[in-house]
Amino acid sequence: MFAWHKRGLVFDTARHSAGAWMRHSALTPTPVALDDQRIRVYAGFRDAEGVSRIGYVDVRADDPTAVTGVSREPVLDLGRGGCFDDNGMILGDVTAGPDGLYLFYVGFQKVARAKFLAFTGLAVSNDGGEHFRRVQETPILDRAPGRSTIAAVHSAHYEQGRWRLWYAAGDDWENIGGKPFPRYHIRHAETASLDAIPRADHACLLPRGNEYRIGRPRVYRLDGRYVMYFTRGNRNGEYFPGLAVSDDGLAWERRDESLGLALSERGWDSRTICYPALLAQRDRLLMFYNGNDMGVDGFGVAEARLHAPQGAVHAHA
């Protein structure tokens, strides 16, 4: 679909870390255009124990490889002990809502007889994204039949007074080499209120072949169609993005062969590419993404030329 040109590692935790809470990794980087000069990339940054908190990295809009600022403290810290997000979080989506900037995040909790639980929380900013406050201490998308371990929103579109949500749902574990790995797939729900997300939903994409997980759906509008970038894992240990298209956001056709991005011969994204998120910038499209070990080195960027005039691509941040 696009021919991507890699620009390299942008946020390097070894060089740009802002403290002990940002020791390594920049999980699920999610870009937002602050203005014509700045792009803010929200991500989950891990401490020495591997527990992540939400912060941001600012880069130049005209040169997205140039870091201009890093949050000195988390914009959203760990939840209260015993809550669903007391052991870290990753970014789901950041988008304009009815009364501020909405941050959908996936909170992690350790339990005795499973590797972890992961459910969706919501926080809102009224200061342009410098700080976020939780709407509530409980998940807005919690466990239900078919999603007893994972319910992780990664795309939220607010359209004509209603929310469309695409998320990963998990209910089981895949044993590989004696270690448990989460099994999940992609679903969709629609609601007028985030206070009451219906349990009735729609399966969008299921694993195929030797895949056991397919998730982190990032959904965009391109020339009147929906385009989804996601990440898929198989039993061979491969972890790589995929691509699908849809006319209605419900029935999807996979076109993984059209991704247009490959592993590098060496370096930070030579073994894994994962969690791509897009942002339209005039006549080009930017892709922020993680590399080896789910982003342990930070995040990088690639760019592609748009074939349509500005405004034809609605790259939902």
Protein backbone atom coordinates (compact mmCIF):
# COMPACT_ATOMS: atom_id res chain seq x y z
CA MET A 1 0.00 0.00 0.00
CA PHE A 2 2.89 2.35 0.84
CA ALA A 3 6.62 2.21 0.24
CA TRP A 4 8.09 3.02 3.64
CA HIS A 5 11.49 4.65 4.06
CA LYS A 6 13.05 4.05 7.47
CA ARG A 7 14.51 7.10 9.21
CA GLY A 8 16.04 5.19 12.12
CA LEU A 9 15.80 5.10 15.90
CA VAL A 10 14.32 8.36 17.23
CA PHE A 11 13.94 7.99 20.97
CA ASP A 12 16.91 6.05 22.33
CA THR A 13 16.40 5.24 26.02
CA ALA A 14 20.17 5.01 26.53
CA ARG A 15 20.55 8.66 25.42
CA HIS A 16 17.26 10.37 26.21
CA SER A 17 16.07 8.83 29.49
CA ALA A 18 14.51 11.32 31.93
CA GLY A 19 14.99 9.28 35.11
CA ALA A 20 14.66 5.92 36.80
CA TRP A 21 11.03 5.52 35.70
CA MET A 22 12.27 5.63 32.09
CA ARG A 23 15.11 3.10 32.33
CA HIS A 24 14.33 1.32 29.06
CA SER A 25 11.65 0.74 26.38
CA ALA A 26 9.04 3.03 24.84
CA LEU A 27 6.09 0.71 24.33
CA THR A 28 3.33 1.25 21.74
CA PRO A 29 4.40 4.75 20.59
CA THR A 30 1.32 6.80 19.68
CA PRO A 31 1.76 10.16 17.87
CA VAL A 32 -0.38 13.30 18.19
CA ALA A 33 0.17 16.54 16.22
CA LEU A 34 0.34 19.33 18.80
CA ASP A 35 0.70 22.05 16.16
CA ASP A 36 2.49 22.67 12.86
CA GLN A 37 5.89 22.46 14.55
CA ARG A 38 5.56 19.65 17.10
CA ILE A 39 4.55 16.02 17.24
CA ARG A 40 4.07 14.42 20.64
CA VAL A 41 4.61 10.67 20.87
CA TYR A 42 3.06 9.07 23.95
CA ALA A 43 4.44 5.71 25.07
CA GLY A 44 4.90 3.38 28.03
CA PHE A 45 8.37 3.68 29.58
CA ARG A 46 9.73 0.89 31.79
CA ASP A 47 11.69 1.13 35.01
CA ALA A 48 14.40 -1.32 36.11
CA GLU A 49 11.73 -3.83 37.19
CA GLY A 50 10.02 -3.67 33.80
CA VAL A 51 6.99 -1.72 35.09
CA SER A 52 5.83 0.92 32.62
CA ARG A 53 4.30 4.37 33.08
CA ILE A 54 2.92 6.73 30.43
CA GLY A 55 5.07 9.65 29.31
CA TYR A 56 5.88 11.43 26.07
CA VAL A 57 8.59 12.46 23.63
CA ASP A 58 8.26 15.61 21.50
CA VAL A 59 9.81 15.65 18.02
CA ARG A 60 9.95 18.22 15.24
CA ALA A 61 7.16 17.98 12.68
CA ASP A 62 9.52 18.82 9.81
CA ASP A 63 12.12 16.32 11.06
CA PRO A 64 10.54 13.56 13.19
CA THR A 65 13.98 12.14 14.02
CA ALA A 66 14.82 15.26 16.07
CA VAL A 67 13.82 14.98 19.74
CA THR A 68 12.96 18.39 21.24
CA GLY A 69 11.59 17.36 24.63
CA VAL A 70 10.95 14.44 26.97
CA SER A 71 8.45 14.38 29.85
CA ARG A 72 10.35 14.70 33.13
CA GLU A 73 7.69 12.70 34.98
CA PRO A 74 4.86 10.40 33.91
CA VAL A 75 1.70 12.01 32.57
CA LEU A 76 -0.09 8.99 34.07
CA ASP A 77 1.48 7.00 36.91
CA LEU A 78 0.66 3.61 38.39
CA GLY A 79 -2.75 2.92 39.79
CA ARG A 80 -3.49 2.46 43.47
CA GLY A 81 -2.39 -0.86 44.97
CA GLY A 82 -4.97 -3.54 44.24
CA CYS A 83 -6.38 -1.75 41.20
CA PHE A 84 -6.22 -3.15 37.67
CA ASP A 85 -3.31 -0.87 36.68
CA ASP A 86 -1.05 -1.17 39.73
CA ASN A 87 1.71 -3.02 37.84
CA GLY A 88 2.16 -0.85 34.76
CA MET A 89 0.39 0.30 31.62
CA ILE A 90 0.86 0.76 27.90
CA LEU A 91 -0.67 3.26 25.49
CA GLY A 92 -3.88 2.31 23.73
CA ASP A 93 -4.97 5.51 21.95
CA VAL A 94 -4.99 9.28 22.39
CA THR A 95 -7.79 11.22 20.73
CA ALA A 96 -9.97 14.31 21.12
CA GLY A 97 -13.13 13.56 23.09
CA PRO A 98 -16.18 15.62 24.04
CA ASP A 99 -14.46 17.39 26.96
CA GLY A 100 -10.72 17.07 26.52
CA LEU A 101 -7.94 14.83 25.27
CA TYR A 102 -8.83 11.19 25.94
CA LEU A 103 -6.12 8.67 26.75
CA PHE A 104 -7.12 5.02 26.49
CA TYR A 105 -4.56 2.82 28.20
CA VAL A 106 -4.07 -0.84 29.06
CA GLY A 107 -3.42 -1.47 32.74
CA PHE A 108 -1.54 -4.54 33.96
CA GLN A 109 -2.01 -6.44 37.19
CA LYS A 110 -0.14 -9.48 38.51
CA VAL A 111 -2.20 -12.37 39.83
CA ALA A 112 -1.27 -15.70 41.36
CA ARG A 113 -2.28 -18.17 38.66
CA ALA A 114 -1.83 -16.30 35.39
CA LYS A 115 1.04 -14.31 33.88
CA PHE A 116 -0.96 -11.06 34.08
CA LEU A 117 -4.34 -9.45 33.52
CA ALA A 118 -4.73 -6.50 31.11
CA PHE A 119 -7.82 -4.32 30.86
CA THR A 120 -8.62 -0.85 29.50
CA GLY A 121 -8.65 2.35 31.52
CA LEU A 122 -9.44 5.94 30.56
CA ALA A 123 -7.80 9.22 31.56
CA VAL A 124 -8.59 12.77 30.38
CA SER A 125 -6.38 15.85 29.96
CA ASN A 126 -7.60 19.44 30.03
CA ASP A 127 -4.16 21.06 29.72
CA GLY A 128 -3.19 19.97 26.23
CA GLY A 129 -1.81 16.58 27.19
CA GLU A 130 0.68 17.57 29.92
CA HIS A 131 -1.22 15.72 32.65
CA PHE A 132 -4.03 13.19 32.64
CA ARG A 133 -6.48 12.25 35.38
CA ARG A 134 -8.21 8.90 35.62
CA VAL A 135 -11.92 8.93 34.96
CA GLN A 136 -12.24 6.03 37.39
CA GLU A 137 -10.06 3.48 39.17
CA THR A 138 -11.75 0.55 37.48
CA PRO A 139 -11.57 -0.49 33.80
CA ILE A 140 -13.98 0.93 31.25
CA LEU A 141 -13.55 -2.34 29.31
CA ASP A 142 -13.34 -5.15 31.84
CA ARG A 143 -13.52 -8.91 31.82
CA ALA A 144 -16.49 -10.64 30.26
CA PRO A 145 -17.14 -14.02 28.63
CA GLY A 146 -14.47 -14.49 25.97
CA ARG A 147 -12.16 -11.87 27.47
CA SER A 148 -11.32 -13.15 30.93
CA THR A 149 -7.66 -12.04 30.82
CA ILE A 150 -7.29 -9.30 28.17
CA ALA A 151 -9.53 -6.49 26.91
CA ALA A 152 -7.20 -3.87 25.42
CA VAL A 153 -8.54 -0.92 23.39
CA HIS A 154 -6.00 0.36 20.84
CA SER A 155 -8.18 2.47 18.52
CA ALA A 156 -11.00 4.77 19.60
CA HIS A 157 -12.88 6.88 17.03
CA TYR A 158 -15.42 9.45 18.15
CA GLU A 159 -17.83 9.86 15.24
CA GLN A 160 -21.16 11.71 15.28
CA GLY A 161 -21.58 11.40 19.03
CA ARG A 162 -20.69 7.71 19.22
CA TRP A 163 -17.52 5.78 20.00
CA ARG A 164 -16.14 3.03 17.81
CA LEU A 165 -13.61 0.87 19.63
CA TRP A 166 -11.24 -1.75 18.22
CA TYR A 167 -9.52 -3.89 20.82
CA ALA A 168 -7.67 -7.10 21.58
CA ALA A 169 -9.57 -9.74 23.55
CA GLY A 170 -7.86 -12.66 25.25
CA ASP A 171 -9.05 -15.68 27.18
CA ASP A 172 -6.18 -18.18 27.22
CA TRP A 173 -2.42 -18.80 27.10
CA GLU A 174 -0.15 -20.44 24.56
CA ASN A 175 2.67 -22.58 26.00
CA ILE A 176 5.88 -22.14 24.00
CA GLY A 177 9.08 -23.65 25.32
CA GLY A 178 7.53 -24.03 28.76
CA LYS A 179 6.55 -20.35 28.98
CA PRO A 180 3.02 -18.90 28.78
CA PHE A 181 2.23 -16.32 26.10
CA PRO A 182 -1.15 -14.56 25.81
CA ARG A 183 -3.59 -15.60 23.11
CA TYR A 184 -5.83 -12.86 21.72
CA HIS A 185 -7.64 -11.56 18.64
CA ILE A 186 -9.26 -8.30 17.46
CA ARG A 187 -12.86 -7.24 18.15
CA HIS A 188 -15.03 -4.14 17.71
CA ALA A 189 -17.73 -2.49 19.82
CA GLU A 190 -19.78 0.67 19.41
CA THR A 191 -21.33 2.80 22.13
CA ALA A 192 -22.80 6.24 22.82
CA SER A 193 -21.25 6.27 26.29
CA LEU A 194 -17.94 4.94 27.57
CA ASP A 195 -19.72 4.39 30.88
CA ALA A 196 -21.64 1.52 29.34
CA ILE A 197 -19.69 -0.31 26.64
CA PRO A 198 -21.92 -3.20 25.51
CA ARG A 199 -20.76 -6.78 25.89
CA ALA A 200 -22.24 -7.53 22.48
CA ASP A 201 -19.42 -6.96 20.00
CA HIS A 202 -18.02 -8.18 16.69
CA ALA A 203 -14.99 -10.34 15.87
CA CYS A 204 -12.84 -8.55 13.27
CA LEU A 205 -9.68 -10.62 12.85
CA LEU A 206 -8.68 -14.04 14.19
CA PRO A 207 -5.24 -15.67 14.16
CA ARG A 208 -4.57 -17.89 11.16
CA GLY A 209 -2.04 -20.61 10.36
CA ASN A 210 0.45 -20.96 13.20
CA GLU A 211 -0.43 -17.56 14.68
CA TYR A 212 -1.72 -17.56 18.24
CA ARG A 213 -2.10 -13.81 18.79
CA ILE A 214 -3.13 -10.84 16.68
CA GLY A 215 -3.64 -7.47 18.34
CA ARG A 216 -2.74 -3.79 18.84
CA PRO A 217 -5.21 -2.72 16.12
CA ARG A 218 -4.57 0.81 14.84
CA VAL A 219 -7.44 1.87 12.59
CA TYR A 220 -7.38 4.78 10.08
CA ARG A 221 -9.50 6.20 7.25
CA LEU A 222 -7.86 6.27 3.83
CA ASP A 223 -9.74 7.32 0.69
CA GLY A 224 -13.06 6.38 2.25
CA ARG A 225 -11.92 2.97 3.50
CA TYR A 226 -10.76 1.73 6.86
CA VAL A 227 -7.16 0.57 7.10
CA MET A 228 -5.87 -1.39 10.08
CA TYR A 229 -2.26 -1.94 11.12
CA PHE A 230 -1.84 -4.66 13.74
CA THR A 231 0.85 -6.93 15.21
CA ARG A 232 0.80 -10.72 14.99
CA GLY A 233 2.80 -13.41 16.74
CA ASN A 234 3.26 -17.07 15.80
CA ARG A 235 4.60 -20.22 17.43
CA ASN A 236 7.96 -19.80 15.66
CA GLY A 237 8.60 -16.70 17.76
CA GLU A 238 8.03 -14.19 14.94
CA TYR A 239 6.41 -10.89 15.91
CA PHE A 240 5.60 -8.61 12.99
CA PRO A 241 2.97 -6.14 11.75
CA GLY A 242 0.11 -6.98 9.44
CA LEU A 243 -2.32 -4.93 7.35
CA ALA A 244 -6.05 -5.21 6.66
CA VAL A 245 -8.68 -3.13 4.84
CA SER A 246 -12.44 -2.75 5.33
CA ASP A 247 -15.39 -0.78 3.98
CA ASP A 248 -17.26 -0.65 7.29
CA GLY A 249 -14.69 -1.33 10.02
CA LEU A 250 -16.27 -4.70 10.77
CA ALA A 251 -15.49 -7.08 7.89
CA TRP A 252 -11.75 -7.06 7.20
CA GLU A 253 -9.56 -8.41 4.40
CA ARG A 254 -5.96 -9.11 5.36
CA ARG A 255 -3.28 -7.76 3.04
CA ASP A 256 -0.12 -8.46 5.00
CA GLU A 257 1.91 -8.67 1.81
CA SER A 258 1.23 -4.95 1.21
CA LEU A 259 2.82 -3.77 4.45
CA GLY A 260 5.88 -2.34 2.64
CA LEU A 261 8.20 -2.61 5.64
CA ALA A 262 10.93 -5.19 6.35
CA LEU A 263 13.44 -6.03 9.07
CA SER A 264 16.76 -4.20 8.95
CA GLU A 265 19.94 -6.16 8.35
CA ARG A 266 21.30 -5.14 11.74
CA GLY A 267 20.51 -3.00 14.73
CA TRP A 268 17.49 -2.14 16.87
CA ASP A 269 14.80 -3.45 14.44
CA SER A 270 16.66 -6.38 12.86
CA ARG A 271 14.74 -9.15 14.67
CA THR A 272 11.32 -7.64 15.35
CA ILE A 273 9.07 -4.84 14.13
CA CYS A 274 5.88 -4.20 16.10
CA TYR A 275 3.19 -1.72 17.17
CA PRO A 276 3.12 0.67 14.17
CA ALA A 277 1.07 3.87 14.57
CA LEU A 278 0.55 6.44 11.80
CA LEU A 279 0.25 10.20 11.55
CA ALA A 280 -0.54 12.20 8.38
CA GLN A 281 1.79 15.17 7.76
CA ARG A 282 0.83 17.21 4.69
CA ASP A 283 2.04 15.12 1.72
CA ARG A 284 3.59 12.34 3.75
CA LEU A 285 2.62 9.67 6.24
CA LEU A 286 4.73 8.93 9.32
CA MET A 287 4.90 5.56 11.04
CA PHE A 288 6.23 5.36 14.59
CA TYR A 289 7.04 1.82 15.70
CA ASN A 290 8.98 -0.43 18.07
CA GLY A 291 11.73 -2.90 17.22
CA ASN A 292 13.53 -5.76 18.95
CA ASP A 293 12.22 -7.11 22.26
CA MET A 294 9.03 -5.07 21.98
CA GLY A 295 10.80 -1.73 21.95
CA VAL A 296 13.54 -2.16 24.55
CA ASP A 297 15.75 0.39 22.71
CA GLY A 298 13.00 2.98 22.25
CA PHE A 299 11.04 3.79 19.07
CA GLY A 300 11.83 4.72 15.49
CA VAL A 301 10.07 6.28 12.54
CA ALA A 302 9.51 5.57 8.87
CA GLU A 303 7.83 7.76 6.27
CA ALA A 304 5.95 7.32 3.01
CA ARG A 305 4.64 9.70 0.37
CA LEU A 306 0.88 10.13 0.18
CA HIS A 307 -0.73 9.50 -3.18
CA ALA A 308 -3.75 11.62 -2.29
CA PRO A 309 -4.05 15.32 -1.46
CA GLN A 310 -3.93 16.54 2.14
CA GLY A 311 -7.10 15.71 4.01
CA ALA A 312 -7.85 12.48 2.16
CA VAL A 313 -6.10 10.49 4.90
CA HIS A 314 -7.59 10.61 8.37
CA ALA A 315 -4.71 9.17 10.37
CA HIS A 316 -6.35 8.85 13.73
CA ALA A 317 -3.72 9.57 16.39
